[in-house]
Amino acid sequence: MKKVLLFILAIALFQISQAQITKGNWMMGGNGSFEKSDQTSPTFDVKATTIALSPNVGYFLVDQFAVGARLKLDYEYLNYPNVETKHTRLFAGPFVRYYFLDNERVVNFFSEAAFQLLIDQYKSTVPNGGYNRGSDNRLGSYSLSLGTAVFLNSSVAIEGAISYERVPQNENGTKVSNLGLKIGFQIHLQKDSY
C-alpha cells in the first residue's frame, strides 16, 4: 500500500501542470499563524500569545511576474507580572513577485519584495486598575522572501517561504528585524478567453 501511495505522489509531483502564472491572470491567497510562548527570567515571567493573518491579491503583468497588495493583521497579548499588554499591528502595502521557472512546472520557486506601512498600537493594563495607552506608531516595513510553490492543480498552490523583515528605527530608537518561515496558499484565477 505504501508503494502505491508513493507512486501516486510521484506522478502528481512530476506531471505537467498548467499553473496560472501567466500574463493577465490574478492570484489571491495568504497565510496565517498562531504562536504561544513562555519566557522565564530571574526577575519575571512573560506569557505571550500572537495571532497573525495576512491576505493578498496580485495580478500578473507579464508571465511569471506579479504585482499586488497585502494586508497583515498581527495581534499580540503579553502577560507580565501585574501588567497585561495588548499589541495590535496592521501592515498594508504593495509587493512584487517573480516565479523563476516556466508555468508548466508543478513545483516552482519565487522571490518577493514588499513594502508595507505599519500602524502599531498597544494598550497596557497597570496594577492600579487603569491603563496606559502607548503611542500609535506609523512606520515603513521592508521584506524580502524566497519560497517554493507546489501546485496541487492548475489553480491552487501551497507555499512555503523564508522571509526577512526590517522595520526602521522609530522615535524610541527601536529597530526590529525578523527572520521567519511562512506557510500559506494561493489561488490562481485564469483569465477568460473568448
N, C-alpha and C. Protein backbone atom coordinates (compact mmCIF):
# COMPACT_ATOMS: atom_id res chain seq x y z
N MET A 1 0.82 -1.20 0.00
CA MET A 1 0.00 0.00 0.00
C MET A 1 0.86 1.26 0.00
N LYS A 2 1.96 1.23 0.79
CA LYS A 2 2.86 2.39 0.84
C LYS A 2 3.48 2.66 -0.53
N LYS A 3 3.83 1.58 -1.25
CA LYS A 3 4.44 1.76 -2.57
C LYS A 3 3.45 2.39 -3.55
N VAL A 4 2.19 2.01 -3.46
CA VAL A 4 1.17 2.57 -4.35
C VAL A 4 0.99 4.06 -4.05
N LEU A 5 0.92 4.41 -2.77
CA LEU A 5 0.77 5.82 -2.40
C LEU A 5 1.98 6.65 -2.84
N LEU A 6 3.19 6.12 -2.67
CA LEU A 6 4.39 6.83 -3.11
C LEU A 6 4.41 7.00 -4.62
N PHE A 7 3.95 5.98 -5.34
CA PHE A 7 3.90 6.07 -6.80
C PHE A 7 2.92 7.15 -7.24
N ILE A 8 1.73 7.19 -6.63
CA ILE A 8 0.73 8.21 -6.97
C ILE A 8 1.26 9.60 -6.66
N LEU A 9 1.92 9.76 -5.51
CA LEU A 9 2.51 11.05 -5.14
C LEU A 9 3.59 11.47 -6.14
N ALA A 10 4.43 10.54 -6.55
CA ALA A 10 5.49 10.85 -7.52
C ALA A 10 4.89 11.30 -8.85
N ILE A 11 3.85 10.62 -9.31
CA ILE A 11 3.19 11.03 -10.56
C ILE A 11 2.60 12.42 -10.42
N ALA A 12 1.97 12.68 -9.28
CA ALA A 12 1.35 14.00 -9.06
C ALA A 12 2.39 15.11 -9.06
N LEU A 13 3.56 14.85 -8.48
CA LEU A 13 4.59 15.88 -8.41
C LEU A 13 5.28 16.12 -9.75
N PHE A 14 5.35 15.10 -10.58
CA PHE A 14 6.10 15.25 -11.83
C PHE A 14 5.22 15.43 -13.06
N GLN A 15 3.92 15.40 -12.88
CA GLN A 15 3.06 15.66 -14.03
C GLN A 15 3.16 17.12 -14.45
N ILE A 16 2.81 17.38 -15.68
CA ILE A 16 2.84 18.76 -16.17
C ILE A 16 1.57 19.46 -15.72
N SER A 17 1.75 20.60 -15.13
CA SER A 17 0.61 21.37 -14.64
C SER A 17 0.55 22.68 -15.41
N GLN A 18 -0.64 23.11 -15.74
CA GLN A 18 -0.81 24.40 -16.40
C GLN A 18 -1.01 25.46 -15.32
N ALA A 19 0.02 25.75 -14.57
CA ALA A 19 -0.07 26.73 -13.49
C ALA A 19 -0.39 28.10 -14.07
N GLN A 20 -1.23 28.83 -13.41
CA GLN A 20 -1.73 30.09 -13.93
C GLN A 20 -0.85 31.27 -13.51
N ILE A 21 0.39 31.24 -13.90
CA ILE A 21 1.30 32.35 -13.59
C ILE A 21 1.64 33.09 -14.88
N THR A 22 0.62 33.28 -15.70
CA THR A 22 0.81 33.93 -16.99
C THR A 22 0.12 35.29 -17.03
N LYS A 23 0.54 36.10 -17.98
CA LYS A 23 0.05 37.47 -18.12
C LYS A 23 -1.48 37.53 -18.12
N GLY A 24 -2.01 38.49 -17.36
CA GLY A 24 -3.44 38.72 -17.32
C GLY A 24 -4.21 37.93 -16.27
N ASN A 25 -3.54 37.01 -15.56
CA ASN A 25 -4.21 36.21 -14.53
C ASN A 25 -4.08 36.86 -13.16
N TRP A 26 -4.99 36.50 -12.27
CA TRP A 26 -5.00 37.01 -10.90
C TRP A 26 -4.61 35.89 -9.94
N MET A 27 -4.08 36.28 -8.78
CA MET A 27 -3.86 35.33 -7.70
C MET A 27 -4.37 35.94 -6.40
N MET A 28 -4.96 35.09 -5.56
CA MET A 28 -5.44 35.52 -4.25
C MET A 28 -5.06 34.44 -3.25
N GLY A 29 -4.74 34.85 -2.06
CA GLY A 29 -4.37 33.87 -1.04
C GLY A 29 -3.88 34.54 0.21
N GLY A 30 -2.95 33.88 0.87
CA GLY A 30 -2.38 34.44 2.08
C GLY A 30 -1.89 33.37 3.01
N ASN A 31 -1.58 33.78 4.23
CA ASN A 31 -1.13 32.86 5.25
C ASN A 31 -1.59 33.33 6.62
N GLY A 32 -1.47 32.47 7.58
CA GLY A 32 -1.84 32.80 8.95
C GLY A 32 -0.93 32.07 9.92
N SER A 33 -0.88 32.57 11.14
CA SER A 33 -0.04 31.90 12.14
C SER A 33 -0.61 32.11 13.54
N PHE A 34 -0.27 31.19 14.42
CA PHE A 34 -0.63 31.26 15.83
C PHE A 34 0.60 30.86 16.61
N GLU A 35 0.93 31.62 17.63
CA GLU A 35 2.12 31.34 18.42
C GLU A 35 1.83 31.58 19.89
N LYS A 36 2.27 30.67 20.73
CA LYS A 36 2.14 30.81 22.17
C LYS A 36 3.51 30.56 22.76
N SER A 37 3.97 31.46 23.64
CA SER A 37 5.30 31.30 24.20
C SER A 37 5.33 31.70 25.67
N ASP A 38 6.26 31.11 26.39
CA ASP A 38 6.53 31.44 27.79
C ASP A 38 7.99 31.85 27.88
N GLN A 39 8.24 33.00 28.50
CA GLN A 39 9.61 33.48 28.69
C GLN A 39 9.86 33.58 30.18
N THR A 40 10.92 32.92 30.64
CA THR A 40 11.24 32.91 32.05
C THR A 40 12.59 33.58 32.28
N SER A 41 12.64 34.45 33.27
CA SER A 41 13.90 35.09 33.66
C SER A 41 13.96 35.12 35.18
N PRO A 42 15.12 35.45 35.77
CA PRO A 42 15.22 35.51 37.22
C PRO A 42 14.32 36.58 37.85
N THR A 43 13.95 37.61 37.10
CA THR A 43 13.15 38.70 37.68
C THR A 43 11.66 38.57 37.42
N PHE A 44 11.24 38.04 36.27
CA PHE A 44 9.81 37.89 35.99
C PHE A 44 9.59 36.91 34.85
N ASP A 45 8.34 36.44 34.74
CA ASP A 45 7.93 35.55 33.65
C ASP A 45 6.96 36.29 32.74
N VAL A 46 7.02 35.97 31.45
CA VAL A 46 6.12 36.58 30.48
C VAL A 46 5.46 35.46 29.67
N LYS A 47 4.14 35.56 29.53
CA LYS A 47 3.40 34.65 28.66
C LYS A 47 2.90 35.47 27.47
N ALA A 48 3.10 34.95 26.26
CA ALA A 48 2.71 35.69 25.06
C ALA A 48 1.88 34.81 24.14
N THR A 49 0.85 35.40 23.54
CA THR A 49 0.05 34.75 22.51
C THR A 49 -0.02 35.70 21.32
N THR A 50 0.30 35.18 20.13
CA THR A 50 0.30 36.01 18.92
C THR A 50 -0.52 35.31 17.83
N ILE A 51 -1.40 36.08 17.20
CA ILE A 51 -2.20 35.60 16.07
C ILE A 51 -1.96 36.55 14.91
N ALA A 52 -1.68 36.03 13.72
CA ALA A 52 -1.45 36.88 12.55
C ALA A 52 -2.18 36.31 11.34
N LEU A 53 -2.83 37.19 10.59
CA LEU A 53 -3.49 36.84 9.33
C LEU A 53 -2.99 37.77 8.25
N SER A 54 -2.70 37.23 7.06
CA SER A 54 -2.12 38.04 6.00
C SER A 54 -2.69 37.66 4.64
N PRO A 55 -3.83 38.26 4.22
CA PRO A 55 -4.36 38.01 2.88
C PRO A 55 -3.66 38.89 1.83
N ASN A 56 -3.66 38.43 0.57
CA ASN A 56 -3.08 39.22 -0.51
C ASN A 56 -3.85 39.01 -1.81
N VAL A 57 -3.64 39.91 -2.75
CA VAL A 57 -4.17 39.78 -4.10
C VAL A 57 -3.12 40.32 -5.06
N GLY A 58 -2.93 39.64 -6.19
CA GLY A 58 -1.92 40.06 -7.15
C GLY A 58 -2.39 39.87 -8.58
N TYR A 59 -1.70 40.53 -9.50
CA TYR A 59 -2.03 40.48 -10.92
C TYR A 59 -0.74 40.27 -11.71
N PHE A 60 -0.75 39.36 -12.67
CA PHE A 60 0.43 39.08 -13.48
C PHE A 60 0.52 40.06 -14.64
N LEU A 61 1.48 40.99 -14.58
CA LEU A 61 1.70 41.96 -15.65
C LEU A 61 2.28 41.30 -16.88
N VAL A 62 3.18 40.36 -16.65
CA VAL A 62 3.77 39.53 -17.70
C VAL A 62 3.88 38.12 -17.13
N ASP A 63 4.20 37.15 -17.97
CA ASP A 63 4.37 35.78 -17.48
C ASP A 63 5.37 35.76 -16.34
N GLN A 64 4.99 35.08 -15.25
CA GLN A 64 5.84 34.82 -14.09
C GLN A 64 6.10 36.04 -13.19
N PHE A 65 5.59 37.22 -13.51
CA PHE A 65 5.84 38.42 -12.72
C PHE A 65 4.52 39.07 -12.31
N ALA A 66 4.30 39.14 -10.98
CA ALA A 66 3.04 39.68 -10.46
C ALA A 66 3.31 40.86 -9.54
N VAL A 67 2.37 41.79 -9.52
CA VAL A 67 2.37 42.90 -8.56
C VAL A 67 1.06 42.80 -7.80
N GLY A 68 1.06 43.29 -6.56
CA GLY A 68 -0.17 43.18 -5.80
C GLY A 68 -0.12 43.95 -4.50
N ALA A 69 -1.11 43.68 -3.66
CA ALA A 69 -1.23 44.35 -2.37
C ALA A 69 -1.46 43.30 -1.29
N ARG A 70 -0.94 43.58 -0.11
CA ARG A 70 -1.06 42.67 1.02
C ARG A 70 -1.45 43.42 2.27
N LEU A 71 -2.29 42.81 3.07
CA LEU A 71 -2.61 43.28 4.42
C LEU A 71 -2.08 42.26 5.40
N LYS A 72 -1.71 42.72 6.57
CA LYS A 72 -1.34 41.79 7.63
C LYS A 72 -1.83 42.37 8.94
N LEU A 73 -2.61 41.58 9.65
CA LEU A 73 -3.09 41.97 10.97
C LEU A 73 -2.42 41.05 11.97
N ASP A 74 -1.74 41.66 12.93
CA ASP A 74 -0.95 40.94 13.92
C ASP A 74 -1.44 41.38 15.30
N TYR A 75 -1.97 40.44 16.08
CA TYR A 75 -2.46 40.76 17.42
C TYR A 75 -1.63 39.97 18.43
N GLU A 76 -1.09 40.66 19.43
CA GLU A 76 -0.24 40.02 20.44
C GLU A 76 -0.75 40.37 21.83
N TYR A 77 -0.86 39.36 22.67
CA TYR A 77 -1.27 39.55 24.06
C TYR A 77 -0.11 39.10 24.95
N LEU A 78 0.42 40.03 25.77
CA LEU A 78 1.55 39.74 26.67
C LEU A 78 1.06 39.84 28.11
N ASN A 79 1.42 38.86 28.92
CA ASN A 79 1.03 38.86 30.32
C ASN A 79 2.29 38.89 31.18
N TYR A 80 2.66 40.09 31.65
CA TYR A 80 3.77 40.28 32.58
C TYR A 80 3.20 40.19 34.00
N PRO A 81 4.04 40.07 35.02
CA PRO A 81 3.52 40.12 36.38
C PRO A 81 2.82 41.47 36.62
N ASN A 82 1.54 41.44 36.96
CA ASN A 82 0.72 42.61 37.28
C ASN A 82 0.46 43.55 36.10
N VAL A 83 0.87 43.20 34.90
CA VAL A 83 0.64 44.06 33.74
C VAL A 83 0.24 43.18 32.55
N GLU A 84 -0.84 43.56 31.88
CA GLU A 84 -1.26 42.89 30.66
C GLU A 84 -1.15 43.89 29.52
N THR A 85 -0.57 43.47 28.41
CA THR A 85 -0.39 44.35 27.26
C THR A 85 -1.05 43.72 26.04
N LYS A 86 -1.85 44.53 25.34
CA LYS A 86 -2.45 44.12 24.07
C LYS A 86 -1.80 44.96 22.98
N HIS A 87 -1.22 44.27 22.01
CA HIS A 87 -0.44 44.92 20.97
C HIS A 87 -1.05 44.57 19.62
N THR A 88 -1.49 45.57 18.88
CA THR A 88 -2.08 45.35 17.56
C THR A 88 -1.25 46.06 16.51
N ARG A 89 -0.89 45.31 15.46
CA ARG A 89 -0.13 45.88 14.35
C ARG A 89 -0.87 45.60 13.05
N LEU A 90 -1.00 46.62 12.23
CA LEU A 90 -1.62 46.48 10.91
C LEU A 90 -0.60 46.90 9.87
N PHE A 91 -0.31 46.01 8.95
CA PHE A 91 0.60 46.28 7.85
C PHE A 91 -0.22 46.33 6.56
N ALA A 92 0.08 47.23 5.66
CA ALA A 92 -0.60 47.30 4.36
C ALA A 92 0.37 47.88 3.34
N GLY A 93 0.40 47.28 2.14
CA GLY A 93 1.27 47.83 1.12
C GLY A 93 1.43 46.93 -0.09
N PRO A 94 2.22 47.38 -1.06
CA PRO A 94 2.41 46.64 -2.31
C PRO A 94 3.51 45.58 -2.20
N PHE A 95 3.45 44.61 -3.13
CA PHE A 95 4.52 43.62 -3.27
C PHE A 95 4.73 43.32 -4.74
N VAL A 96 5.91 42.81 -5.06
CA VAL A 96 6.22 42.28 -6.39
C VAL A 96 6.73 40.86 -6.20
N ARG A 97 6.34 39.98 -7.13
CA ARG A 97 6.75 38.57 -7.02
C ARG A 97 7.17 38.07 -8.39
N TYR A 98 8.26 37.28 -8.41
CA TYR A 98 8.74 36.68 -9.64
C TYR A 98 8.92 35.18 -9.45
N TYR A 99 8.32 34.39 -10.35
CA TYR A 99 8.49 32.94 -10.38
C TYR A 99 9.64 32.61 -11.33
N PHE A 100 10.59 31.81 -10.88
CA PHE A 100 11.80 31.54 -11.65
C PHE A 100 11.60 30.54 -12.79
N LEU A 101 10.72 29.56 -12.62
CA LEU A 101 10.53 28.53 -13.64
C LEU A 101 9.29 28.83 -14.47
N ASP A 102 9.18 28.20 -15.64
CA ASP A 102 8.04 28.48 -16.50
C ASP A 102 6.74 27.93 -15.90
N ASN A 103 5.63 28.24 -16.53
CA ASN A 103 4.33 27.93 -15.96
C ASN A 103 3.91 26.48 -16.12
N GLU A 104 4.76 25.63 -16.68
CA GLU A 104 4.43 24.22 -16.85
C GLU A 104 4.84 23.39 -15.64
N ARG A 105 5.46 23.98 -14.67
CA ARG A 105 6.03 23.24 -13.54
C ARG A 105 5.04 23.05 -12.40
N VAL A 106 5.07 21.88 -11.78
CA VAL A 106 4.26 21.62 -10.59
C VAL A 106 4.91 22.28 -9.39
N VAL A 107 6.23 22.24 -9.33
CA VAL A 107 6.98 22.90 -8.25
C VAL A 107 7.70 24.09 -8.87
N ASN A 108 7.54 25.26 -8.29
CA ASN A 108 8.17 26.47 -8.81
C ASN A 108 8.77 27.24 -7.64
N PHE A 109 9.75 28.05 -7.94
CA PHE A 109 10.43 28.86 -6.92
C PHE A 109 10.13 30.33 -7.20
N PHE A 110 10.04 31.12 -6.14
CA PHE A 110 9.74 32.54 -6.33
C PHE A 110 10.53 33.40 -5.35
N SER A 111 10.67 34.66 -5.74
CA SER A 111 11.21 35.67 -4.82
C SER A 111 10.18 36.78 -4.75
N GLU A 112 10.16 37.47 -3.61
CA GLU A 112 9.18 38.52 -3.41
C GLU A 112 9.79 39.64 -2.61
N ALA A 113 9.46 40.86 -2.98
CA ALA A 113 9.87 42.05 -2.22
C ALA A 113 8.61 42.84 -1.90
N ALA A 114 8.56 43.40 -0.69
CA ALA A 114 7.35 44.13 -0.29
C ALA A 114 7.72 45.33 0.57
N PHE A 115 6.90 46.35 0.46
CA PHE A 115 6.96 47.49 1.38
C PHE A 115 5.58 47.59 2.01
N GLN A 116 5.56 47.76 3.32
CA GLN A 116 4.27 47.88 3.99
C GLN A 116 4.33 49.00 5.03
N LEU A 117 3.27 49.78 5.06
CA LEU A 117 3.13 50.78 6.11
C LEU A 117 2.66 50.05 7.36
N LEU A 118 3.30 50.32 8.46
CA LEU A 118 2.97 49.68 9.73
C LEU A 118 2.29 50.68 10.64
N ILE A 119 1.09 50.32 11.11
CA ILE A 119 0.40 51.11 12.13
C ILE A 119 0.43 50.25 13.39
N ASP A 120 1.10 50.75 14.41
CA ASP A 120 1.40 49.98 15.61
C ASP A 120 0.73 50.63 16.81
N GLN A 121 -0.06 49.87 17.55
CA GLN A 121 -0.80 50.41 18.69
C GLN A 121 -0.78 49.41 19.83
N TYR A 122 -0.60 49.91 21.06
CA TYR A 122 -0.67 49.00 22.19
C TYR A 122 -1.36 49.66 23.37
N LYS A 123 -1.89 48.80 24.25
CA LYS A 123 -2.55 49.27 25.45
C LYS A 123 -2.15 48.33 26.59
N SER A 124 -1.72 48.90 27.72
CA SER A 124 -1.31 48.10 28.88
C SER A 124 -2.23 48.37 30.06
N THR A 125 -2.62 47.29 30.74
CA THR A 125 -3.38 47.41 31.98
C THR A 125 -2.38 47.41 33.13
N VAL A 126 -2.44 48.44 33.98
CA VAL A 126 -1.47 48.58 35.08
C VAL A 126 -2.12 48.19 36.40
N PRO A 127 -1.30 47.93 37.45
CA PRO A 127 -1.84 47.40 38.70
C PRO A 127 -2.92 48.25 39.37
N ASN A 128 -2.96 49.56 39.19
CA ASN A 128 -3.96 50.38 39.86
C ASN A 128 -5.33 50.33 39.17
N GLY A 129 -5.46 49.47 38.16
CA GLY A 129 -6.76 49.30 37.50
C GLY A 129 -6.93 50.17 36.28
N GLY A 130 -6.03 51.08 36.04
CA GLY A 130 -6.12 51.93 34.86
C GLY A 130 -5.40 51.30 33.69
N TYR A 131 -5.21 52.08 32.68
CA TYR A 131 -4.42 51.57 31.56
C TYR A 131 -3.55 52.69 31.01
N ASN A 132 -2.46 52.27 30.41
CA ASN A 132 -1.52 53.17 29.77
C ASN A 132 -1.56 52.88 28.29
N ARG A 133 -2.08 53.80 27.53
CA ARG A 133 -2.14 53.59 26.09
C ARG A 133 -0.87 54.12 25.47
N GLY A 134 -0.18 53.26 24.76
CA GLY A 134 1.06 53.67 24.10
C GLY A 134 0.77 54.48 22.87
N SER A 135 1.78 55.07 22.34
CA SER A 135 1.60 55.90 21.15
C SER A 135 1.31 55.03 19.93
N ASP A 136 0.60 55.60 18.98
CA ASP A 136 0.37 54.93 17.70
C ASP A 136 1.55 55.27 16.80
N ASN A 137 2.29 54.25 16.40
CA ASN A 137 3.45 54.46 15.52
C ASN A 137 3.05 54.14 14.09
N ARG A 138 3.55 54.92 13.17
CA ARG A 138 3.36 54.65 11.75
C ARG A 138 4.74 54.61 11.10
N LEU A 139 5.14 53.43 10.68
CA LEU A 139 6.48 53.20 10.15
C LEU A 139 6.39 52.40 8.85
N GLY A 140 7.45 52.43 8.07
CA GLY A 140 7.54 51.59 6.89
C GLY A 140 8.26 50.30 7.23
N SER A 141 7.79 49.21 6.65
CA SER A 141 8.39 47.90 6.86
C SER A 141 8.81 47.35 5.50
N TYR A 142 10.01 46.78 5.42
CA TYR A 142 10.52 46.21 4.18
C TYR A 142 10.71 44.72 4.37
N SER A 143 10.37 43.91 3.37
CA SER A 143 10.59 42.47 3.50
C SER A 143 11.02 41.86 2.17
N LEU A 144 11.82 40.81 2.28
CA LEU A 144 12.27 40.01 1.15
C LEU A 144 11.98 38.55 1.48
N SER A 145 11.48 37.80 0.49
CA SER A 145 11.15 36.39 0.71
C SER A 145 11.66 35.55 -0.45
N LEU A 146 12.07 34.33 -0.14
CA LEU A 146 12.39 33.30 -1.13
C LEU A 146 11.56 32.09 -0.77
N GLY A 147 10.88 31.51 -1.79
CA GLY A 147 10.00 30.42 -1.45
C GLY A 147 9.77 29.43 -2.56
N THR A 148 8.97 28.43 -2.22
CA THR A 148 8.59 27.36 -3.13
C THR A 148 7.08 27.27 -3.19
N ALA A 149 6.54 27.13 -4.39
CA ALA A 149 5.11 26.92 -4.58
C ALA A 149 4.92 25.53 -5.18
N VAL A 150 4.05 24.74 -4.56
CA VAL A 150 3.71 23.41 -5.07
C VAL A 150 2.26 23.47 -5.54
N PHE A 151 2.07 23.33 -6.86
CA PHE A 151 0.74 23.43 -7.45
C PHE A 151 0.02 22.08 -7.32
N LEU A 152 -1.08 22.08 -6.57
CA LEU A 152 -1.87 20.86 -6.40
C LEU A 152 -2.69 20.58 -7.64
N ASN A 153 -3.05 21.63 -8.37
CA ASN A 153 -3.71 21.54 -9.66
C ASN A 153 -3.39 22.83 -10.41
N SER A 154 -4.11 23.14 -11.47
CA SER A 154 -3.77 24.32 -12.26
C SER A 154 -4.09 25.63 -11.55
N SER A 155 -4.83 25.58 -10.44
CA SER A 155 -5.26 26.82 -9.80
C SER A 155 -4.80 27.00 -8.36
N VAL A 156 -4.50 25.93 -7.64
CA VAL A 156 -4.20 26.03 -6.21
C VAL A 156 -2.76 25.63 -5.94
N ALA A 157 -2.05 26.50 -5.20
CA ALA A 157 -0.68 26.22 -4.82
C ALA A 157 -0.51 26.38 -3.31
N ILE A 158 0.24 25.47 -2.72
CA ILE A 158 0.65 25.60 -1.33
C ILE A 158 2.07 26.15 -1.35
N GLU A 159 2.35 27.11 -0.46
CA GLU A 159 3.63 27.80 -0.49
C GLU A 159 4.34 27.75 0.86
N GLY A 160 5.63 27.73 0.77
CA GLY A 160 6.49 27.89 1.94
C GLY A 160 7.59 28.87 1.58
N ALA A 161 7.91 29.79 2.48
CA ALA A 161 8.92 30.80 2.16
C ALA A 161 9.71 31.19 3.40
N ILE A 162 10.96 31.52 3.19
CA ILE A 162 11.79 32.13 4.22
C ILE A 162 11.72 33.63 3.98
N SER A 163 11.44 34.38 5.04
CA SER A 163 11.22 35.82 4.89
C SER A 163 12.07 36.60 5.88
N TYR A 164 12.64 37.71 5.39
CA TYR A 164 13.37 38.64 6.24
C TYR A 164 12.62 39.97 6.22
N GLU A 165 12.30 40.49 7.40
CA GLU A 165 11.56 41.74 7.50
C GLU A 165 12.35 42.72 8.36
N ARG A 166 12.33 43.98 7.95
CA ARG A 166 13.07 45.03 8.65
C ARG A 166 12.15 46.22 8.87
N VAL A 167 12.04 46.66 10.12
CA VAL A 167 11.30 47.88 10.45
C VAL A 167 12.33 48.89 10.93
N PRO A 168 12.49 50.02 10.23
CA PRO A 168 13.49 51.01 10.62
C PRO A 168 13.23 51.58 12.01
N GLN A 169 14.18 52.31 12.49
CA GLN A 169 14.12 52.89 13.83
C GLN A 169 12.94 53.83 14.00
N ASN A 170 12.21 53.66 15.13
CA ASN A 170 11.11 54.59 15.42
C ASN A 170 11.60 55.69 16.35
N GLU A 171 10.67 56.52 16.85
CA GLU A 171 11.08 57.66 17.68
C GLU A 171 11.70 57.23 19.01
N ASN A 172 11.45 55.98 19.43
CA ASN A 172 12.05 55.49 20.67
C ASN A 172 13.41 54.85 20.44
N GLY A 173 13.85 54.82 19.19
CA GLY A 173 15.15 54.21 18.89
C GLY A 173 15.09 52.71 18.70
N THR A 174 13.90 52.12 18.62
CA THR A 174 13.75 50.68 18.48
C THR A 174 13.81 50.28 17.01
N LYS A 175 14.64 49.29 16.71
CA LYS A 175 14.72 48.70 15.37
C LYS A 175 14.27 47.25 15.48
N VAL A 176 13.55 46.77 14.48
CA VAL A 176 13.07 45.39 14.50
C VAL A 176 13.51 44.69 13.23
N SER A 177 14.08 43.50 13.39
CA SER A 177 14.42 42.62 12.27
C SER A 177 13.86 41.25 12.57
N ASN A 178 13.15 40.67 11.61
CA ASN A 178 12.55 39.34 11.79
C ASN A 178 13.00 38.43 10.67
N LEU A 179 13.35 37.21 11.02
CA LEU A 179 13.61 36.15 10.06
C LEU A 179 12.61 35.06 10.37
N GLY A 180 11.81 34.67 9.38
CA GLY A 180 10.76 33.71 9.69
C GLY A 180 10.44 32.79 8.54
N LEU A 181 9.60 31.82 8.83
CA LEU A 181 9.12 30.86 7.86
C LEU A 181 7.62 31.08 7.70
N LYS A 182 7.16 31.23 6.46
CA LYS A 182 5.75 31.43 6.18
C LYS A 182 5.22 30.23 5.41
N ILE A 183 4.01 29.81 5.76
CA ILE A 183 3.34 28.74 5.04
C ILE A 183 1.94 29.25 4.69
N GLY A 184 1.55 29.11 3.44
CA GLY A 184 0.25 29.63 3.02
C GLY A 184 -0.20 28.99 1.73
N PHE A 185 -1.14 29.64 1.05
CA PHE A 185 -1.65 29.12 -0.21
C PHE A 185 -1.99 30.28 -1.13
N GLN A 186 -2.09 29.99 -2.41
CA GLN A 186 -2.53 30.95 -3.42
C GLN A 186 -3.54 30.25 -4.33
N ILE A 187 -4.56 30.99 -4.73
CA ILE A 187 -5.50 30.52 -5.74
C ILE A 187 -5.25 31.37 -6.98
N HIS A 188 -4.95 30.72 -8.09
CA HIS A 188 -4.65 31.40 -9.35
C HIS A 188 -5.87 31.34 -10.24
N LEU A 189 -6.35 32.51 -10.61
CA LEU A 189 -7.56 32.60 -11.43
C LEU A 189 -7.18 32.85 -12.88
N GLN A 190 -7.62 31.98 -13.75
CA GLN A 190 -7.30 32.08 -15.17
C GLN A 190 -8.18 33.14 -15.83
N LYS A 191 -7.56 33.92 -16.71
CA LYS A 191 -8.35 34.90 -17.45
C LYS A 191 -9.28 34.18 -18.42
N ASP A 192 -10.41 34.77 -18.68
CA ASP A 192 -11.35 34.21 -19.64
C ASP A 192 -10.84 34.45 -21.03
N SER A 193 -10.94 33.42 -21.87
CA SER A 193 -10.57 33.59 -23.28
C SER A 193 -11.82 33.34 -24.12
N TYR A 194 -12.13 34.30 -24.94
CA TYR A 194 -13.34 34.23 -25.76
C TYR A 194 -12.98 33.99 -27.19
